[in-house]
Amino acid sequence: MAQETEQRNRESRPPREGRGPGGERGGGERGGERGDRGDRRGFDRGRPEGPPEIDLDKLIQDSLYLDNQAHAVVSRMRDMDSGTKTQLRRLYSAVRRAVRAPEGERQHEFVMLRARLAYTIARHGLRSLDQLEKLLLQVTRKNDSRGYERFKDLFEAIVAYNE
């Protein structure tokens, strides 16, 4: 009886992508087609397309935009990540130190902060902070003191809303 039920379930399921009707590899349209590094062509490794990037110029000019972006990041954090308060506070302390650095060293401090943020995202699986990493790259390239201050303000709002 259990075998019949299992057989019916298998038959009612659609075949997995890249597999033939019996589940064997190489039977689909893509047929095991692979790129240079073994990746399937056009395959995005299961990463969902994220939210649109934060616009640095809007962030600098519009406080309400900053507030809305902070809320959006915190909302994604609650949906995607867990246990991020300590890591967030540590990163915020690093942001504050980088902003206080002498003007000649500030860009270097923010470059190193981006590396630290990338490490924290990878180590703790904080995919919701990918947007901040991209924004930090924009801020560092622009090398404008207002951009650094607004990044700090955004991070401060994120920490506050996450409490």
C-alpha atoms as a PDB file:
ATOM      1  CA  MET A   1       0.000   0.000   0.000  1.00  0.00           C
ATOM      2  CA  ALA A   2       2.775   2.468   0.931  1.00  0.00           C
ATOM      3  CA  GLN A   3       4.657   1.617  -2.242  1.00  0.00           C
ATOM      4  CA  GLU A   4       1.600   2.408  -4.375  1.00  0.00           C
ATOM      5  CA  THR A   5       1.172   5.802  -2.700  1.00  0.00           C
ATOM      6  CA  GLU A   6       4.853   6.605  -3.173  1.00  0.00           C
ATOM      7  CA  GLN A   7       4.647   5.585  -6.850  1.00  0.00           C
ATOM      8  CA  ARG A   8       1.586   7.839  -7.417  1.00  0.00           C
ATOM      9  CA  ASN A   9       3.349  10.773  -5.752  1.00  0.00           C
ATOM     10  CA  ARG A  10       6.401  10.311  -7.974  1.00  0.00           C
ATOM     11  CA  GLU A  11       4.279  10.168 -11.101  1.00  0.00           C
ATOM     12  CA  SER A  12       2.264  13.273 -10.215  1.00  0.00           C
ATOM     13  CA  ARG A  13       5.363  15.426  -9.613  1.00  0.00           C
ATOM     14  CA  PRO A  14       6.834  17.275 -12.572  1.00  0.00           C
ATOM     15  CA  PRO A  15      10.401  16.213 -13.442  1.00  0.00           C
ATOM     16  CA  ARG A  16      13.175  18.316 -11.946  1.00  0.00           C
ATOM     17  CA  GLU A  17      14.858  20.774 -14.253  1.00  0.00           C
ATOM     18  CA  GLY A  18      17.825  19.310 -16.112  1.00  0.00           C
ATOM     19  CA  ARG A  19      16.530  15.756 -15.675  1.00  0.00           C
ATOM     20  CA  GLY A  20      14.550  13.496 -17.933  1.00  0.00           C
ATOM     21  CA  PRO A  21      11.091  12.095 -17.155  1.00  0.00           C
ATOM     22  CA  GLY A  22      12.544   9.270 -15.082  1.00  0.00           C
ATOM     23  CA  GLY A  23      14.747  11.658 -13.086  1.00  0.00           C
ATOM     24  CA  GLU A  24      17.967  10.769 -14.930  1.00  0.00           C
ATOM     25  CA  ARG A  25      20.508  13.505 -15.642  1.00  0.00           C
ATOM     26  CA  GLY A  26      21.049  14.906 -19.106  1.00  0.00           C
ATOM     27  CA  GLY A  27      17.546  14.255 -20.383  1.00  0.00           C
ATOM     28  CA  GLY A  28      16.214  17.840 -20.233  1.00  0.00           C
ATOM     29  CA  GLU A  29      16.494  20.621 -22.775  1.00  0.00           C
ATOM     30  CA  ARG A  30      19.585  21.937 -21.044  1.00  0.00           C
ATOM     31  CA  GLY A  31      21.038  18.433 -20.986  1.00  0.00           C
ATOM     32  CA  GLY A  32      23.910  19.060 -18.590  1.00  0.00           C
ATOM     33  CA  GLU A  33      25.229  21.987 -20.640  1.00  0.00           C
ATOM     34  CA  ARG A  34      27.979  23.610 -18.558  1.00  0.00           C
ATOM     35  CA  GLY A  35      30.132  26.712 -18.716  1.00  0.00           C
ATOM     36  CA  ASP A  36      33.903  26.971 -18.245  1.00  0.00           C
ATOM     37  CA  ARG A  37      33.876  26.629 -14.458  1.00  0.00           C
ATOM     38  CA  GLY A  38      31.242  23.920 -14.276  1.00  0.00           C
ATOM     39  CA  ASP A  39      28.363  26.328 -13.705  1.00  0.00           C
ATOM     40  CA  ARG A  40      25.177  25.895 -15.651  1.00  0.00           C
ATOM     41  CA  ARG A  41      24.728  28.707 -18.129  1.00  0.00           C
ATOM     42  CA  GLY A  42      22.094  31.199 -17.070  1.00  0.00           C
ATOM     43  CA  PHE A  43      21.816  29.647 -13.605  1.00  0.00           C
ATOM     44  CA  ASP A  44      21.897  32.185 -10.778  1.00  0.00           C
ATOM     45  CA  ARG A  45      22.886  29.743  -8.016  1.00  0.00           C
ATOM     46  CA  GLY A  46      19.534  30.170  -6.287  1.00  0.00           C
ATOM     47  CA  ARG A  47      20.100  33.751  -5.211  1.00  0.00           C
ATOM     48  CA  PRO A  48      16.928  35.781  -5.358  1.00  0.00           C
ATOM     49  CA  GLU A  49      17.159  39.124  -7.045  1.00  0.00           C
ATOM     50  CA  GLY A  50      17.522  41.611  -4.226  1.00  0.00           C
ATOM     51  CA  PRO A  51      15.894  44.951  -3.656  1.00  0.00           C
ATOM     52  CA  PRO A  52      17.019  47.942  -5.703  1.00  0.00           C
ATOM     53  CA  GLU A  53      20.247  49.604  -4.647  1.00  0.00           C
ATOM     54  CA  ILE A  54      20.198  52.574  -2.288  1.00  0.00           C
ATOM     55  CA  ASP A  55      20.791  55.807  -4.211  1.00  0.00           C
ATOM     56  CA  LEU A  56      23.638  57.726  -2.550  1.00  0.00           C
ATOM     57  CA  ASP A  57      22.650  61.147  -3.934  1.00  0.00           C
ATOM     58  CA  LYS A  58      19.074  60.725  -2.691  1.00  0.00           C
ATOM     59  CA  LEU A  59      20.414  59.540   0.648  1.00  0.00           C
ATOM     60  CA  ILE A  60      22.526  62.686   1.000  1.00  0.00           C
ATOM     61  CA  GLN A  61      19.705  65.050   0.043  1.00  0.00           C
ATOM     62  CA  ASP A  62      16.573  63.480   1.533  1.00  0.00           C
ATOM     63  CA  SER A  63      16.255  62.535   5.217  1.00  0.00           C
ATOM     64  CA  LEU A  64      12.924  60.819   4.642  1.00  0.00           C
ATOM     65  CA  TYR A  65      14.530  58.599   1.982  1.00  0.00           C
ATOM     66  CA  LEU A  66      17.240  57.680   4.518  1.00  0.00           C
ATOM     67  CA  ASP A  67      14.583  56.767   7.079  1.00  0.00           C
ATOM     68  CA  ASN A  68      12.628  54.666   4.570  1.00  0.00           C
ATOM     69  CA  GLN A  69      15.766  52.797   3.504  1.00  0.00           C
ATOM     70  CA  ALA A  70      16.671  52.074   7.134  1.00  0.00           C
ATOM     71  CA  HIS A  71      13.190  50.624   7.713  1.00  0.00           C
ATOM     72  CA  ALA A  72      13.490  48.513   4.550  1.00  0.00           C
ATOM     73  CA  VAL A  73      16.875  47.085   5.569  1.00  0.00           C
ATOM     74  CA  VAL A  74      15.614  46.217   9.064  1.00  0.00           C
ATOM     75  CA  SER A  75      12.512  44.595   7.593  1.00  0.00           C
ATOM     76  CA  ARG A  76      14.678  42.425   5.309  1.00  0.00           C
ATOM     77  CA  MET A  77      16.921  41.556   8.246  1.00  0.00           C
ATOM     78  CA  ARG A  78      13.952  40.309  10.245  1.00  0.00           C
ATOM     79  CA  ASP A  79      12.745  38.254   7.275  1.00  0.00           C
ATOM     80  CA  MET A  80      16.105  36.825   6.202  1.00  0.00           C
ATOM     81  CA  ASP A  81      18.568  36.847   9.109  1.00  0.00           C
ATOM     82  CA  SER A  82      18.619  36.077  12.801  1.00  0.00           C
ATOM     83  CA  GLY A  83      20.844  37.128  15.674  1.00  0.00           C
ATOM     84  CA  THR A  84      22.272  40.198  13.977  1.00  0.00           C
ATOM     85  CA  LYS A  85      22.137  42.812  16.764  1.00  0.00           C
ATOM     86  CA  THR A  86      25.651  42.227  18.080  1.00  0.00           C
ATOM     87  CA  GLN A  87      27.240  42.103  14.631  1.00  0.00           C
ATOM     88  CA  LEU A  88      25.320  45.246  13.650  1.00  0.00           C
ATOM     89  CA  ARG A  89      26.497  47.155  16.734  1.00  0.00           C
ATOM     90  CA  ARG A  90      30.116  46.111  16.102  1.00  0.00           C
ATOM     91  CA  LEU A  91      29.893  47.293  12.509  1.00  0.00           C
ATOM     92  CA  TYR A  92      28.295  50.561  13.612  1.00  0.00           C
ATOM     93  CA  SER A  93      31.207  51.184  16.009  1.00  0.00           C
ATOM     94  CA  ALA A  94      33.597  50.633  13.106  1.00  0.00           C
ATOM     95  CA  VAL A  95      31.572  53.082  10.960  1.00  0.00           C
ATOM     96  CA  ARG A  96      31.790  55.732  13.687  1.00  0.00           C
ATOM     97  CA  ARG A  97      35.569  55.236  13.979  1.00  0.00           C
ATOM     98  CA  ALA A  98      35.966  55.518  10.204  1.00  0.00           C
ATOM     99  CA  VAL A  99      33.985  58.783  10.085  1.00  0.00           C
ATOM    100  CA  ARG A 100      36.149  60.244  12.868  1.00  0.00           C
ATOM    101  CA  ALA A 101      39.389  59.366  11.043  1.00  0.00           C
ATOM    102  CA  PRO A 102      41.471  62.264   9.677  1.00  0.00           C
ATOM    103  CA  GLU A 103      40.339  63.370   6.235  1.00  0.00           C
ATOM    104  CA  GLY A 104      43.425  61.962   4.513  1.00  0.00           C
ATOM    105  CA  GLU A 105      42.844  58.505   5.985  1.00  0.00           C
ATOM    106  CA  ARG A 106      39.044  58.408   5.845  1.00  0.00           C
ATOM    107  CA  GLN A 107      38.763  56.772   2.428  1.00  0.00           C
ATOM    108  CA  HIS A 108      41.187  54.026   3.461  1.00  0.00           C
ATOM    109  CA  GLU A 109      39.203  53.433   6.665  1.00  0.00           C
ATOM    110  CA  PHE A 110      35.998  53.050   4.652  1.00  0.00           C
ATOM    111  CA  VAL A 111      37.673  50.675   2.189  1.00  0.00           C
ATOM    112  CA  MET A 112      38.719  48.510   5.120  1.00  0.00           C
ATOM    113  CA  LEU A 113      35.240  48.849   6.611  1.00  0.00           C
ATOM    114  CA  ARG A 114      33.793  47.487   3.372  1.00  0.00           C
ATOM    115  CA  ALA A 115      36.092  44.466   3.640  1.00  0.00           C
ATOM    116  CA  ARG A 116      34.993  43.945   7.227  1.00  0.00           C
ATOM    117  CA  LEU A 117      31.331  44.257   6.233  1.00  0.00           C
ATOM    118  CA  ALA A 118      31.815  41.726   3.408  1.00  0.00           C
ATOM    119  CA  TYR A 119      33.450  39.309   5.833  1.00  0.00           C
ATOM    120  CA  THR A 120      30.648  39.707   8.382  1.00  0.00           C
ATOM    121  CA  ILE A 121      27.989  39.189   5.705  1.00  0.00           C
ATOM    122  CA  ALA A 122      29.683  35.999   4.512  1.00  0.00           C
ATOM    123  CA  ARG A 123      30.571  34.660   7.961  1.00  0.00           C
ATOM    124  CA  HIS A 124      27.158  35.148   9.528  1.00  0.00           C
ATOM    125  CA  GLY A 125      25.005  34.771   6.414  1.00  0.00           C
ATOM    126  CA  LEU A 126      23.626  38.313   6.621  1.00  0.00           C
ATOM    127  CA  ARG A 127      22.418  38.565   3.020  1.00  0.00           C
ATOM    128  CA  SER A 128      20.083  41.391   3.996  1.00  0.00           C
ATOM    129  CA  LEU A 129      23.136  43.663   4.369  1.00  0.00           C
ATOM    130  CA  ASP A 130      24.337  43.203   0.772  1.00  0.00           C
ATOM    131  CA  GLN A 131      22.708  46.535  -0.090  1.00  0.00           C
ATOM    132  CA  LEU A 132      24.835  48.314   2.517  1.00  0.00           C
ATOM    133  CA  GLU A 133      27.989  46.802   1.066  1.00  0.00           C
ATOM    134  CA  LYS A 134      27.084  48.175  -2.382  1.00  0.00           C
ATOM    135  CA  LEU A 135      26.272  51.573  -0.884  1.00  0.00           C
ATOM    136  CA  LEU A 136      29.577  51.581   0.974  1.00  0.00           C
ATOM    137  CA  LEU A 137      31.374  51.029  -2.327  1.00  0.00           C
ATOM    138  CA  GLN A 138      29.573  54.075  -3.800  1.00  0.00           C
ATOM    139  CA  VAL A 139      30.424  56.190  -0.745  1.00  0.00           C
ATOM    140  CA  THR A 140      34.084  55.185  -0.887  1.00  0.00           C
ATOM    141  CA  ARG A 141      34.380  55.910  -4.608  1.00  0.00           C
ATOM    142  CA  LYS A 142      32.750  59.321  -4.231  1.00  0.00           C
ATOM    143  CA  ASN A 143      35.012  60.152  -1.251  1.00  0.00           C
ATOM    144  CA  ASP A 144      32.749  62.951  -0.003  1.00  0.00           C
ATOM    145  CA  SER A 145      32.481  63.826   3.692  1.00  0.00           C
ATOM    146  CA  ARG A 146      28.681  64.268   3.415  1.00  0.00           C
ATOM    147  CA  GLY A 147      28.408  60.776   1.947  1.00  0.00           C
ATOM    148  CA  TYR A 148      30.379  59.320   4.847  1.00  0.00           C
ATOM    149  CA  GLU A 149      28.197  61.164   7.368  1.00  0.00           C
ATOM    150  CA  ARG A 150      24.972  60.022   5.697  1.00  0.00           C
ATOM    151  CA  PHE A 151      26.193  56.429   5.599  1.00  0.00           C
ATOM    152  CA  LYS A 152      26.832  56.692   9.335  1.00  0.00           C
ATOM    153  CA  ASP A 153      23.347  58.183   9.838  1.00  0.00           C
ATOM    154  CA  LEU A 154      21.771  55.351   7.846  1.00  0.00           C
ATOM    155  CA  PHE A 155      23.649  52.750   9.863  1.00  0.00           C
ATOM    156  CA  GLU A 156      22.644  54.468  13.092  1.00  0.00           C
ATOM    157  CA  ALA A 157      18.980  54.376  12.045  1.00  0.00           C
ATOM    158  CA  ILE A 158      19.261  50.689  11.133  1.00  0.00           C
ATOM    159  CA  VAL A 159      20.737  49.858  14.545  1.00  0.00           C
ATOM    160  CA  ALA A 160      18.024  51.897  16.277  1.00  0.00           C
ATOM    161  CA  TYR A 161      15.140  50.344  14.350  1.00  0.00           C
ATOM    162  CA  ASN A 162      16.565  46.849  14.894  1.00  0.00           C
ATOM    163  CA  GLU A 163      16.435  47.129  18.708  1.00  0.00           C
END
